[in-house]
Amino acid sequence: MTKIGDVSIDRDSVKIMGVMNVSPESFYKHSIKTNVNSISTYVKKLENDGADIIDIGAMSTAPYLDTVITPKIEISRLKKAIKIIRNSCPLPVSIDTPRATVAEEALQMGANAINDVCGLKYDPKMAEIVAKHNIPVILGAFEKKPSKILTAKSLSTKRILHDSITIAQKAGIKKTNIIVDPSIGFFRKEGNNPFFTKITKIPWYCRDIEIIFNLKELAKLSFPICISLSNKSFLGKLMNLEINERLIPSVIMEVIAVINGATIIRTHNVKETALALHTLQLLN
């Protein structure tokens, strides 16, 4: 069974991954915490609201932002955050980074998992680091070259994820340490950083909503699925909503994702997501 820290990841009990960004440039300003008090207070709130895991990002990878910082700055931000969180909260910690040097430093400080939006394809040393530390990795769907995604979008995403799974297993990463993520929001016609997959044949927001609808196709890979939907820009594009107006559609999409096979919901809206998933449990 897959475990992040002491938290078991299985279909019988969907887990909530609460997002905390220590990167001032991140798109969702309510999740940004950069000083000791705000980090400590917020992580306790995430725990009380129902988070099972904390996901820390120290560099925004949103495709539409120009936010690439040096590994040194990213590491400095993470070290500070991990130390504060370890003194404030017992929950396991995932590190959102595509860079191996950053992952290595975070893991040495006791991080429990790596969340790589580039699926081990951006930094060739990442797979080796994950295998060495014998911890779980979330593989985001990513291709360096322009994607050939046309109409069967879930099938193409499945192929892209399978490539990352192959990289992981060749590096010696155990099957039980692999989690997949279809990377909602990271397939774009253009972007301002290298952490997205270029698509030109279909609108990115159509790709994203089709993935959620056909998530059961990705479940055929037989790995836990982590998905991040809260406040995403496809919701804004489809319904003409600003970031602070996307809560209700975010939670509805998360519930649909769970019904279709998601195992981990990575979210900024922990309390609302926890209530929605508890309601779904009652119906089941």
C-alpha atoms as a PDB file:
ATOM      1  CA  MET A   1       0.000   0.000   0.000  1.00  0.00           C
ATOM      2  CA  THR A   2       1.120   3.541  -0.781  1.00  0.00           C
ATOM      3  CA  LYS A   3       1.804   5.706   2.273  1.00  0.00           C
ATOM      4  CA  ILE A   4       2.864   9.326   2.662  1.00  0.00           C
ATOM      5  CA  GLY A   5       4.374   9.420   6.111  1.00  0.00           C
ATOM      6  CA  ASP A   6       1.919   7.403   8.180  1.00  0.00           C
ATOM      7  CA  VAL A   7      -1.050   8.304   5.954  1.00  0.00           C
ATOM      8  CA  SER A   8      -2.317   5.406   3.841  1.00  0.00           C
ATOM      9  CA  ILE A   9      -3.387   6.247   0.294  1.00  0.00           C
ATOM     10  CA  ASP A  10      -6.247   4.051  -0.882  1.00  0.00           C
ATOM     11  CA  ARG A  11      -9.600   4.304  -2.643  1.00  0.00           C
ATOM     12  CA  ASP A  12     -11.549   3.445   0.497  1.00  0.00           C
ATOM     13  CA  SER A  13     -10.578   6.719   2.160  1.00  0.00           C
ATOM     14  CA  VAL A  14      -9.798   9.691  -0.081  1.00  0.00           C
ATOM     15  CA  LYS A  15      -7.139  11.942   1.418  1.00  0.00           C
ATOM     16  CA  ILE A  16      -6.959  15.727   1.376  1.00  0.00           C
ATOM     17  CA  MET A  17      -3.692  17.477   0.613  1.00  0.00           C
ATOM     18  CA  GLY A  18      -3.753  21.055   1.894  1.00  0.00           C
ATOM     19  CA  VAL A  19      -1.763  23.578  -0.125  1.00  0.00           C
ATOM     20  CA  MET A  20       0.559  26.072   1.497  1.00  0.00           C
ATOM     21  CA  ASN A  21       2.773  28.291  -0.632  1.00  0.00           C
ATOM     22  CA  VAL A  22       5.828  30.021   0.771  1.00  0.00           C
ATOM     23  CA  SER A  23       6.326  31.648  -2.620  1.00  0.00           C
ATOM     24  CA  PRO A  24       5.044  35.251  -2.722  1.00  0.00           C
ATOM     25  CA  GLU A  25       4.583  34.964  -6.500  1.00  0.00           C
ATOM     26  CA  SER A  26       1.981  32.152  -6.355  1.00  0.00           C
ATOM     27  CA  PHE A  27      -1.386  32.750  -8.018  1.00  0.00           C
ATOM     28  CA  TYR A  28      -3.669  32.070  -5.017  1.00  0.00           C
ATOM     29  CA  LYS A  29      -2.779  34.757  -2.523  1.00  0.00           C
ATOM     30  CA  HIS A  30      -4.763  33.277   0.404  1.00  0.00           C
ATOM     31  CA  SER A  31      -2.435  30.255   0.522  1.00  0.00           C
ATOM     32  CA  ILE A  32       0.759  32.331   0.621  1.00  0.00           C
ATOM     33  CA  LYS A  33       2.464  32.382   4.028  1.00  0.00           C
ATOM     34  CA  THR A  34       6.018  33.626   4.425  1.00  0.00           C
ATOM     35  CA  ASN A  35       6.737  34.393   8.089  1.00  0.00           C
ATOM     36  CA  VAL A  36       6.926  32.223  11.192  1.00  0.00           C
ATOM     37  CA  ASN A  37       3.561  33.163  12.674  1.00  0.00           C
ATOM     38  CA  SER A  38       1.593  32.961   9.449  1.00  0.00           C
ATOM     39  CA  ILE A  39       3.104  29.586   8.468  1.00  0.00           C
ATOM     40  CA  SER A  40       2.527  28.084  11.918  1.00  0.00           C
ATOM     41  CA  THR A  41      -1.027  29.425  12.190  1.00  0.00           C
ATOM     42  CA  TYR A  42      -1.999  28.378   8.673  1.00  0.00           C
ATOM     43  CA  VAL A  43      -0.662  24.840   8.907  1.00  0.00           C
ATOM     44  CA  LYS A  44      -2.608  24.333  12.153  1.00  0.00           C
ATOM     45  CA  LYS A  45      -5.703  25.642  10.382  1.00  0.00           C
ATOM     46  CA  LEU A  46      -5.199  23.187   7.515  1.00  0.00           C
ATOM     47  CA  GLU A  47      -4.927  20.354  10.036  1.00  0.00           C
ATOM     48  CA  ASN A  48      -8.038  21.455  11.944  1.00  0.00           C
ATOM     49  CA  ASP A  49      -9.969  21.923   8.710  1.00  0.00           C
ATOM     50  CA  GLY A  50      -9.354  18.304   7.728  1.00  0.00           C
ATOM     51  CA  ALA A  51      -6.087  18.069   5.796  1.00  0.00           C
ATOM     52  CA  ASP A  52      -4.281  14.722   5.895  1.00  0.00           C
ATOM     53  CA  ILE A  53      -1.104  15.935   4.167  1.00  0.00           C
ATOM     54  CA  ILE A  54       0.528  19.350   3.721  1.00  0.00           C
ATOM     55  CA  ASP A  55       1.923  20.230   0.282  1.00  0.00           C
ATOM     56  CA  ILE A  56       4.527  23.010   0.380  1.00  0.00           C
ATOM     57  CA  GLY A  57       5.430  25.014  -2.692  1.00  0.00           C
ATOM     58  CA  ALA A  58       8.378  27.415  -2.607  1.00  0.00           C
ATOM     59  CA  MET A  59       8.330  28.324  -6.313  1.00  0.00           C
ATOM     60  CA  SER A  60       5.197  28.813  -8.371  1.00  0.00           C
ATOM     61  CA  THR A  61       5.036  26.637 -11.488  1.00  0.00           C
ATOM     62  CA  ALA A  62       1.793  28.102 -12.886  1.00  0.00           C
ATOM     63  CA  PRO A  63       2.402  28.270 -16.668  1.00  0.00           C
ATOM     64  CA  TYR A  64       1.051  31.783 -17.098  1.00  0.00           C
ATOM     65  CA  LEU A  65       3.423  33.261 -14.478  1.00  0.00           C
ATOM     66  CA  ASP A  66       7.076  34.200 -14.940  1.00  0.00           C
ATOM     67  CA  THR A  67       8.191  32.911 -11.565  1.00  0.00           C
ATOM     68  CA  VAL A  68      11.383  30.893 -11.987  1.00  0.00           C
ATOM     69  CA  ILE A  69      13.707  31.533  -9.049  1.00  0.00           C
ATOM     70  CA  THR A  70      17.128  30.093  -8.235  1.00  0.00           C
ATOM     71  CA  PRO A  71      17.327  26.718  -6.466  1.00  0.00           C
ATOM     72  CA  LYS A  72      19.133  28.511  -3.628  1.00  0.00           C
ATOM     73  CA  ILE A  73      16.114  30.750  -2.952  1.00  0.00           C
ATOM     74  CA  GLU A  74      13.689  27.827  -3.270  1.00  0.00           C
ATOM     75  CA  ILE A  75      15.740  25.749  -0.825  1.00  0.00           C
ATOM     76  CA  SER A  76      15.974  28.620   1.661  1.00  0.00           C
ATOM     77  CA  ARG A  77      12.201  29.099   1.619  1.00  0.00           C
ATOM     78  CA  LEU A  78      11.556  25.377   2.055  1.00  0.00           C
ATOM     79  CA  LYS A  79      14.003  24.879   4.911  1.00  0.00           C
ATOM     80  CA  LYS A  80      12.352  27.671   6.847  1.00  0.00           C
ATOM     81  CA  ALA A  81       8.855  26.317   6.176  1.00  0.00           C
ATOM     82  CA  ILE A  82       9.646  22.675   6.976  1.00  0.00           C
ATOM     83  CA  LYS A  83      11.251  23.610  10.288  1.00  0.00           C
ATOM     84  CA  ILE A  84       8.233  25.691  11.328  1.00  0.00           C
ATOM     85  CA  ILE A  85       5.718  23.058  10.208  1.00  0.00           C
ATOM     86  CA  ARG A  86       7.534  20.264  12.045  1.00  0.00           C
ATOM     87  CA  ASN A  87       7.227  22.312  15.244  1.00  0.00           C
ATOM     88  CA  SER A  88       3.560  23.129  14.652  1.00  0.00           C
ATOM     89  CA  CYS A  89       1.852  20.147  13.084  1.00  0.00           C
ATOM     90  CA  PRO A  90       2.245  16.337  12.962  1.00  0.00           C
ATOM     91  CA  LEU A  91       0.952  15.900   9.408  1.00  0.00           C
ATOM     92  CA  PRO A  92       3.245  14.470   6.714  1.00  0.00           C
ATOM     93  CA  VAL A  93       4.753  16.957   4.284  1.00  0.00           C
ATOM     94  CA  SER A  94       4.948  16.821   0.496  1.00  0.00           C
ATOM     95  CA  ILE A  95       7.307  19.132  -1.408  1.00  0.00           C
ATOM     96  CA  ASP A  96       6.109  20.644  -4.669  1.00  0.00           C
ATOM     97  CA  THR A  97       9.244  20.989  -6.805  1.00  0.00           C
ATOM     98  CA  PRO A  98      10.552  19.729 -10.172  1.00  0.00           C
ATOM     99  CA  ARG A  99      14.219  20.222  -9.184  1.00  0.00           C
ATOM    100  CA  ALA A 100      16.392  17.444  -7.742  1.00  0.00           C
ATOM    101  CA  THR A 101      18.734  19.637  -5.681  1.00  0.00           C
ATOM    102  CA  VAL A 102      15.732  21.202  -3.974  1.00  0.00           C
ATOM    103  CA  ALA A 103      14.113  17.809  -3.386  1.00  0.00           C
ATOM    104  CA  GLU A 104      17.338  16.432  -1.881  1.00  0.00           C
ATOM    105  CA  GLU A 105      17.597  19.258   0.653  1.00  0.00           C
ATOM    106  CA  ALA A 106      13.925  18.957   1.628  1.00  0.00           C
ATOM    107  CA  LEU A 107      14.130  15.183   2.038  1.00  0.00           C
ATOM    108  CA  GLN A 108      17.190  15.506   4.238  1.00  0.00           C
ATOM    109  CA  MET A 109      15.070  17.725   6.483  1.00  0.00           C
ATOM    110  CA  GLY A 110      12.445  14.999   6.778  1.00  0.00           C
ATOM    111  CA  ALA A 111       9.937  15.719   3.990  1.00  0.00           C
ATOM    112  CA  ASN A 112       7.749  12.686   3.294  1.00  0.00           C
ATOM    113  CA  ALA A 113       7.064  12.934  -0.451  1.00  0.00           C
ATOM    114  CA  ILE A 114       7.910  14.821  -3.628  1.00  0.00           C
ATOM    115  CA  ASN A 115       5.260  16.361  -5.851  1.00  0.00           C
ATOM    116  CA  ASP A 116       6.913  16.787  -9.273  1.00  0.00           C
ATOM    117  CA  VAL A 117       4.642  18.562 -11.764  1.00  0.00           C
ATOM    118  CA  CYS A 118       7.057  17.498 -14.512  1.00  0.00           C
ATOM    119  CA  GLY A 119       6.860  13.768 -13.769  1.00  0.00           C
ATOM    120  CA  LEU A 120      10.649  13.227 -13.417  1.00  0.00           C
ATOM    121  CA  LYS A 121      11.204  14.633 -16.943  1.00  0.00           C
ATOM    122  CA  TYR A 122      12.447  18.150 -16.189  1.00  0.00           C
ATOM    123  CA  ASP A 123      15.421  17.204 -14.008  1.00  0.00           C
ATOM    124  CA  PRO A 124      17.082  13.896 -14.955  1.00  0.00           C
ATOM    125  CA  LYS A 125      18.438  13.488 -11.421  1.00  0.00           C
ATOM    126  CA  MET A 126      15.041  13.633  -9.719  1.00  0.00           C
ATOM    127  CA  ALA A 127      14.205   9.929 -10.155  1.00  0.00           C
ATOM    128  CA  GLU A 128      17.529   8.931  -8.593  1.00  0.00           C
ATOM    129  CA  ILE A 129      16.922  11.187  -5.571  1.00  0.00           C
ATOM    130  CA  VAL A 130      13.414   9.814  -4.990  1.00  0.00           C
ATOM    131  CA  ALA A 131      14.613   6.212  -5.311  1.00  0.00           C
ATOM    132  CA  LYS A 132      17.513   6.803  -2.918  1.00  0.00           C
ATOM    133  CA  HIS A 133      15.235   8.184  -0.208  1.00  0.00           C
ATOM    134  CA  ASN A 134      12.550   5.517  -0.814  1.00  0.00           C
ATOM    135  CA  ILE A 135       9.670   7.987  -0.547  1.00  0.00           C
ATOM    136  CA  PRO A 136       6.497   8.501  -2.614  1.00  0.00           C
ATOM    137  CA  VAL A 137       6.504  10.727  -5.671  1.00  0.00           C
ATOM    138  CA  ILE A 138       3.535  12.356  -7.372  1.00  0.00           C
ATOM    139  CA  LEU A 139       4.160  12.228 -11.116  1.00  0.00           C
ATOM    140  CA  GLY A 140       2.591  15.132 -12.962  1.00  0.00           C
ATOM    141  CA  ALA A 141       1.726  14.681 -16.637  1.00  0.00           C
ATOM    142  CA  PHE A 142       4.382  16.545 -18.627  1.00  0.00           C
ATOM    143  CA  GLU A 143       6.173  16.462 -21.979  1.00  0.00           C
ATOM    144  CA  LYS A 144       9.089  18.653 -22.952  1.00  0.00           C
ATOM    145  CA  LYS A 145       8.251  18.502 -26.635  1.00  0.00           C
ATOM    146  CA  PRO A 146       4.897  19.791 -27.945  1.00  0.00           C
ATOM    147  CA  SER A 147       2.178  17.265 -27.197  1.00  0.00           C
ATOM    148  CA  LYS A 148       0.328  15.420 -29.946  1.00  0.00           C
ATOM    149  CA  ILE A 149      -2.895  15.588 -27.977  1.00  0.00           C
ATOM    150  CA  LEU A 150      -5.795  15.898 -30.407  1.00  0.00           C
ATOM    151  CA  THR A 151      -9.143  14.395 -29.439  1.00  0.00           C
ATOM    152  CA  ALA A 152      -8.458  11.430 -27.124  1.00  0.00           C
ATOM    153  CA  LYS A 153      -7.058  13.666 -24.430  1.00  0.00           C
ATOM    154  CA  SER A 154      -7.339  11.255 -21.513  1.00  0.00           C
ATOM    155  CA  LEU A 155      -5.649   8.513 -23.567  1.00  0.00           C
ATOM    156  CA  SER A 156      -2.768  10.849 -24.480  1.00  0.00           C
ATOM    157  CA  THR A 157      -2.383  11.923 -20.845  1.00  0.00           C
ATOM    158  CA  LYS A 158      -2.368   8.262 -19.879  1.00  0.00           C
ATOM    159  CA  ARG A 159       0.513   7.657 -22.316  1.00  0.00           C
ATOM    160  CA  ILE A 160       2.455  10.659 -20.972  1.00  0.00           C
ATOM    161  CA  LEU A 161       2.017   9.422 -17.401  1.00  0.00           C
ATOM    162  CA  HIS A 162       3.036   5.903 -18.433  1.00  0.00           C
ATOM    163  CA  ASP A 163       6.329   7.359 -19.702  1.00  0.00           C
ATOM    164  CA  SER A 164       6.971   8.898 -16.275  1.00  0.00           C
ATOM    165  CA  ILE A 165       6.059   5.628 -14.553  1.00  0.00           C
ATOM    166  CA  THR A 166       8.628   3.869 -16.746  1.00  0.00           C
ATOM    167  CA  ILE A 167      11.312   6.414 -15.769  1.00  0.00           C
ATOM    168  CA  ALA A 168      10.430   5.909 -12.108  1.00  0.00           C
ATOM    169  CA  GLN A 169      10.570   2.133 -12.212  1.00  0.00           C
ATOM    170  CA  LYS A 170      13.827   2.073 -14.186  1.00  0.00           C
ATOM    171  CA  ALA A 171      15.365   4.277 -11.481  1.00  0.00           C
ATOM    172  CA  GLY A 172      14.294   1.793  -8.818  1.00  0.00           C
ATOM    173  CA  ILE A 173      11.285   3.654  -7.426  1.00  0.00           C
ATOM    174  CA  LYS A 174       8.889   1.099  -5.958  1.00  0.00           C
ATOM    175  CA  LYS A 175       5.416   0.721  -7.446  1.00  0.00           C
ATOM    176  CA  THR A 176       3.928   1.509  -4.040  1.00  0.00           C
ATOM    177  CA  ASN A 177       5.761   4.852  -4.084  1.00  0.00           C
ATOM    178  CA  ILE A 178       4.158   6.054  -7.340  1.00  0.00           C
ATOM    179  CA  ILE A 179       1.153   8.398  -7.507  1.00  0.00           C
ATOM    180  CA  VAL A 180      -0.031  10.010 -10.750  1.00  0.00           C
ATOM    181  CA  ASP A 181      -1.494  13.462 -11.433  1.00  0.00           C
ATOM    182  CA  PRO A 182      -3.050  14.554 -14.778  1.00  0.00           C
ATOM    183  CA  SER A 183      -1.743  18.104 -14.251  1.00  0.00           C
ATOM    184  CA  ILE A 184      -4.869  20.203 -14.604  1.00  0.00           C
ATOM    185  CA  GLY A 185      -3.869  23.664 -15.814  1.00  0.00           C
ATOM    186  CA  PHE A 186      -0.411  22.652 -17.068  1.00  0.00           C
ATOM    187  CA  PHE A 187      -1.280  21.985 -20.724  1.00  0.00           C
ATOM    188  CA  ARG A 188      -1.189  25.312 -22.574  1.00  0.00           C
ATOM    189  CA  LYS A 189      -0.663  26.865 -25.972  1.00  0.00           C
ATOM    190  CA  GLU A 190       1.972  29.134 -24.449  1.00  0.00           C
ATOM    191  CA  GLY A 191       3.520  29.895 -21.089  1.00  0.00           C
ATOM    192  CA  ASN A 192       6.151  31.892 -19.233  1.00  0.00           C
ATOM    193  CA  ASN A 193       8.166  29.073 -17.651  1.00  0.00           C
ATOM    194  CA  PRO A 194       9.396  25.599 -18.693  1.00  0.00           C
ATOM    195  CA  PHE A 195       7.054  23.589 -16.453  1.00  0.00           C
ATOM    196  CA  PHE A 196       4.099  23.098 -18.814  1.00  0.00           C
ATOM    197  CA  THR A 197       3.232  20.943 -21.820  1.00  0.00           C
ATOM    198  CA  LYS A 198       2.531  22.793 -25.043  1.00  0.00           C
ATOM    199  CA  ILE A 199      -0.691  21.961 -26.867  1.00  0.00           C
ATOM    200  CA  THR A 200      -2.014  23.734 -29.949  1.00  0.00           C
ATOM    201  CA  LYS A 201      -4.816  21.647 -31.435  1.00  0.00           C
ATOM    202  CA  ILE A 202      -7.394  22.095 -28.676  1.00  0.00           C
ATOM    203  CA  PRO A 203      -8.146  24.768 -26.063  1.00  0.00           C
ATOM    204  CA  TRP A 204      -6.416  23.981 -22.765  1.00  0.00           C
ATOM    205  CA  TYR A 205      -9.620  24.415 -20.754  1.00  0.00           C
ATOM    206  CA  CYS A 206     -11.374  21.810 -22.918  1.00  0.00           C
ATOM    207  CA  ARG A 207      -8.533  19.391 -22.241  1.00  0.00           C
ATOM    208  CA  ASP A 208      -8.822  19.956 -18.488  1.00  0.00           C
ATOM    209  CA  ILE A 209     -12.553  19.369 -18.203  1.00  0.00           C
ATOM    210  CA  GLU A 210     -12.371  16.290 -20.434  1.00  0.00           C
ATOM    211  CA  ILE A 211      -9.708  14.808 -18.151  1.00  0.00           C
ATOM    212  CA  ILE A 212     -11.989  15.161 -15.119  1.00  0.00           C
ATOM    213  CA  PHE A 213     -14.911  13.630 -17.017  1.00  0.00           C
ATOM    214  CA  ASN A 214     -12.790  10.656 -18.136  1.00  0.00           C
ATOM    215  CA  LEU A 215     -10.621  10.242 -15.041  1.00  0.00           C
ATOM    216  CA  LYS A 216     -11.595   6.571 -14.897  1.00  0.00           C
ATOM    217  CA  GLU A 217      -9.376   6.079 -17.944  1.00  0.00           C
ATOM    218  CA  LEU A 218      -6.340   7.150 -15.914  1.00  0.00           C
ATOM    219  CA  ALA A 219      -7.416   4.863 -13.080  1.00  0.00           C
ATOM    220  CA  LYS A 220      -6.612   1.975 -15.441  1.00  0.00           C
ATOM    221  CA  LEU A 221      -2.929   2.732 -14.824  1.00  0.00           C
ATOM    222  CA  SER A 222      -3.554   1.142 -11.389  1.00  0.00           C
ATOM    223  CA  PHE A 223      -1.797   3.860  -9.404  1.00  0.00           C
ATOM    224  CA  PRO A 224      -3.339   6.283  -6.906  1.00  0.00           C
ATOM    225  CA  ILE A 225      -4.491   9.510  -8.558  1.00  0.00           C
ATOM    226  CA  CYS A 226      -3.805  12.927  -7.066  1.00  0.00           C
ATOM    227  CA  ILE A 227      -5.644  15.837  -8.659  1.00  0.00           C
ATOM    228  CA  SER A 228      -5.512  19.576  -8.044  1.00  0.00           C
ATOM    229  CA  LEU A 229      -8.613  21.486  -9.128  1.00  0.00           C
ATOM    230  CA  SER A 230      -9.296  24.234  -6.615  1.00  0.00           C
ATOM    231  CA  ASN A 231      -9.564  27.766  -7.987  1.00  0.00           C
ATOM    232  CA  LYS A 232      -7.966  26.691 -11.269  1.00  0.00           C
ATOM    233  CA  SER A 233      -8.020  28.953 -14.291  1.00  0.00           C
ATOM    234  CA  PHE A 234     -10.077  26.553 -16.442  1.00  0.00           C
ATOM    235  CA  LEU A 235     -12.990  27.292 -14.107  1.00  0.00           C
ATOM    236  CA  GLY A 236     -12.441  30.993 -14.597  1.00  0.00           C
ATOM    237  CA  LYS A 237     -12.241  30.601 -18.368  1.00  0.00           C
ATOM    238  CA  LEU A 238     -15.323  28.398 -18.719  1.00  0.00           C
ATOM    239  CA  MET A 239     -17.525  30.448 -16.381  1.00  0.00           C
ATOM    240  CA  ASN A 240     -15.915  33.889 -16.462  1.00  0.00           C
ATOM    241  CA  LEU A 241     -15.067  33.781 -12.752  1.00  0.00           C
ATOM    242  CA  GLU A 242     -12.379  35.574 -10.803  1.00  0.00           C
ATOM    243  CA  ILE A 243     -10.213  33.513  -8.418  1.00  0.00           C
ATOM    244  CA  ASN A 244     -12.288  34.412  -5.352  1.00  0.00           C
ATOM    245  CA  GLU A 245     -15.483  33.305  -7.143  1.00  0.00           C
ATOM    246  CA  ARG A 246     -14.414  29.726  -7.919  1.00  0.00           C
ATOM    247  CA  LEU A 247     -15.083  27.942  -4.619  1.00  0.00           C
ATOM    248  CA  ILE A 248     -18.394  26.253  -5.502  1.00  0.00           C
ATOM    249  CA  PRO A 249     -17.331  24.931  -8.929  1.00  0.00           C
ATOM    250  CA  SER A 250     -14.000  23.853  -7.412  1.00  0.00           C
ATOM    251  CA  VAL A 251     -15.689  21.665  -4.786  1.00  0.00           C
ATOM    252  CA  ILE A 252     -18.154  20.217  -7.312  1.00  0.00           C
ATOM    253  CA  MET A 253     -15.273  19.280  -9.627  1.00  0.00           C
ATOM    254  CA  GLU A 254     -13.416  17.684  -6.700  1.00  0.00           C
ATOM    255  CA  VAL A 255     -16.411  15.526  -5.819  1.00  0.00           C
ATOM    256  CA  ILE A 256     -16.774  14.443  -9.453  1.00  0.00           C
ATOM    257  CA  ALA A 257     -13.056  13.607  -9.524  1.00  0.00           C
ATOM    258  CA  VAL A 258     -13.426  11.394  -6.444  1.00  0.00           C
ATOM    259  CA  ILE A 259     -16.433   9.619  -7.948  1.00  0.00           C
ATOM    260  CA  ASN A 260     -14.316   9.023 -11.075  1.00  0.00           C
ATOM    261  CA  GLY A 261     -11.338   7.578  -9.203  1.00  0.00           C
ATOM    262  CA  ALA A 262      -9.236  10.294  -7.543  1.00  0.00           C
ATOM    263  CA  THR A 263      -7.475   9.192  -4.361  1.00  0.00           C
ATOM    264  CA  ILE A 264      -5.911  12.463  -3.204  1.00  0.00           C
ATOM    265  CA  ILE A 265      -7.500  15.888  -3.579  1.00  0.00           C
ATOM    266  CA  ARG A 266      -4.901  18.642  -3.474  1.00  0.00           C
ATOM    267  CA  THR A 267      -6.755  21.805  -2.538  1.00  0.00           C
ATOM    268  CA  HIS A 268      -6.588  25.346  -1.200  1.00  0.00           C
ATOM    269  CA  ASN A 269     -10.119  24.971   0.203  1.00  0.00           C
ATOM    270  CA  VAL A 270      -9.538  22.253   2.790  1.00  0.00           C
ATOM    271  CA  LYS A 271     -12.542  22.808   5.058  1.00  0.00           C
ATOM    272  CA  GLU A 272     -15.061  22.986   2.214  1.00  0.00           C
ATOM    273  CA  THR A 273     -13.509  19.986   0.454  1.00  0.00           C
ATOM    274  CA  ALA A 274     -13.551  17.933   3.668  1.00  0.00           C
ATOM    275  CA  LEU A 275     -17.246  18.711   4.188  1.00  0.00           C
ATOM    276  CA  ALA A 276     -18.076  17.793   0.590  1.00  0.00           C
ATOM    277  CA  LEU A 277     -16.203  14.481   0.783  1.00  0.00           C
ATOM    278  CA  HIS A 278     -17.820  13.654   4.132  1.00  0.00           C
ATOM    279  CA  THR A 279     -21.213  14.266   2.537  1.00  0.00           C
ATOM    280  CA  LEU A 280     -20.266  11.962  -0.319  1.00  0.00           C
ATOM    281  CA  GLN A 281     -19.249   9.298   2.204  1.00  0.00           C
ATOM    282  CA  LEU A 282     -22.678   9.513   3.861  1.00  0.00           C
ATOM    283  CA  LEU A 283     -24.340   8.849   0.519  1.00  0.00           C
ATOM    284  CA  ASN A 284     -22.144   5.827  -0.030  1.00  0.00           C
END
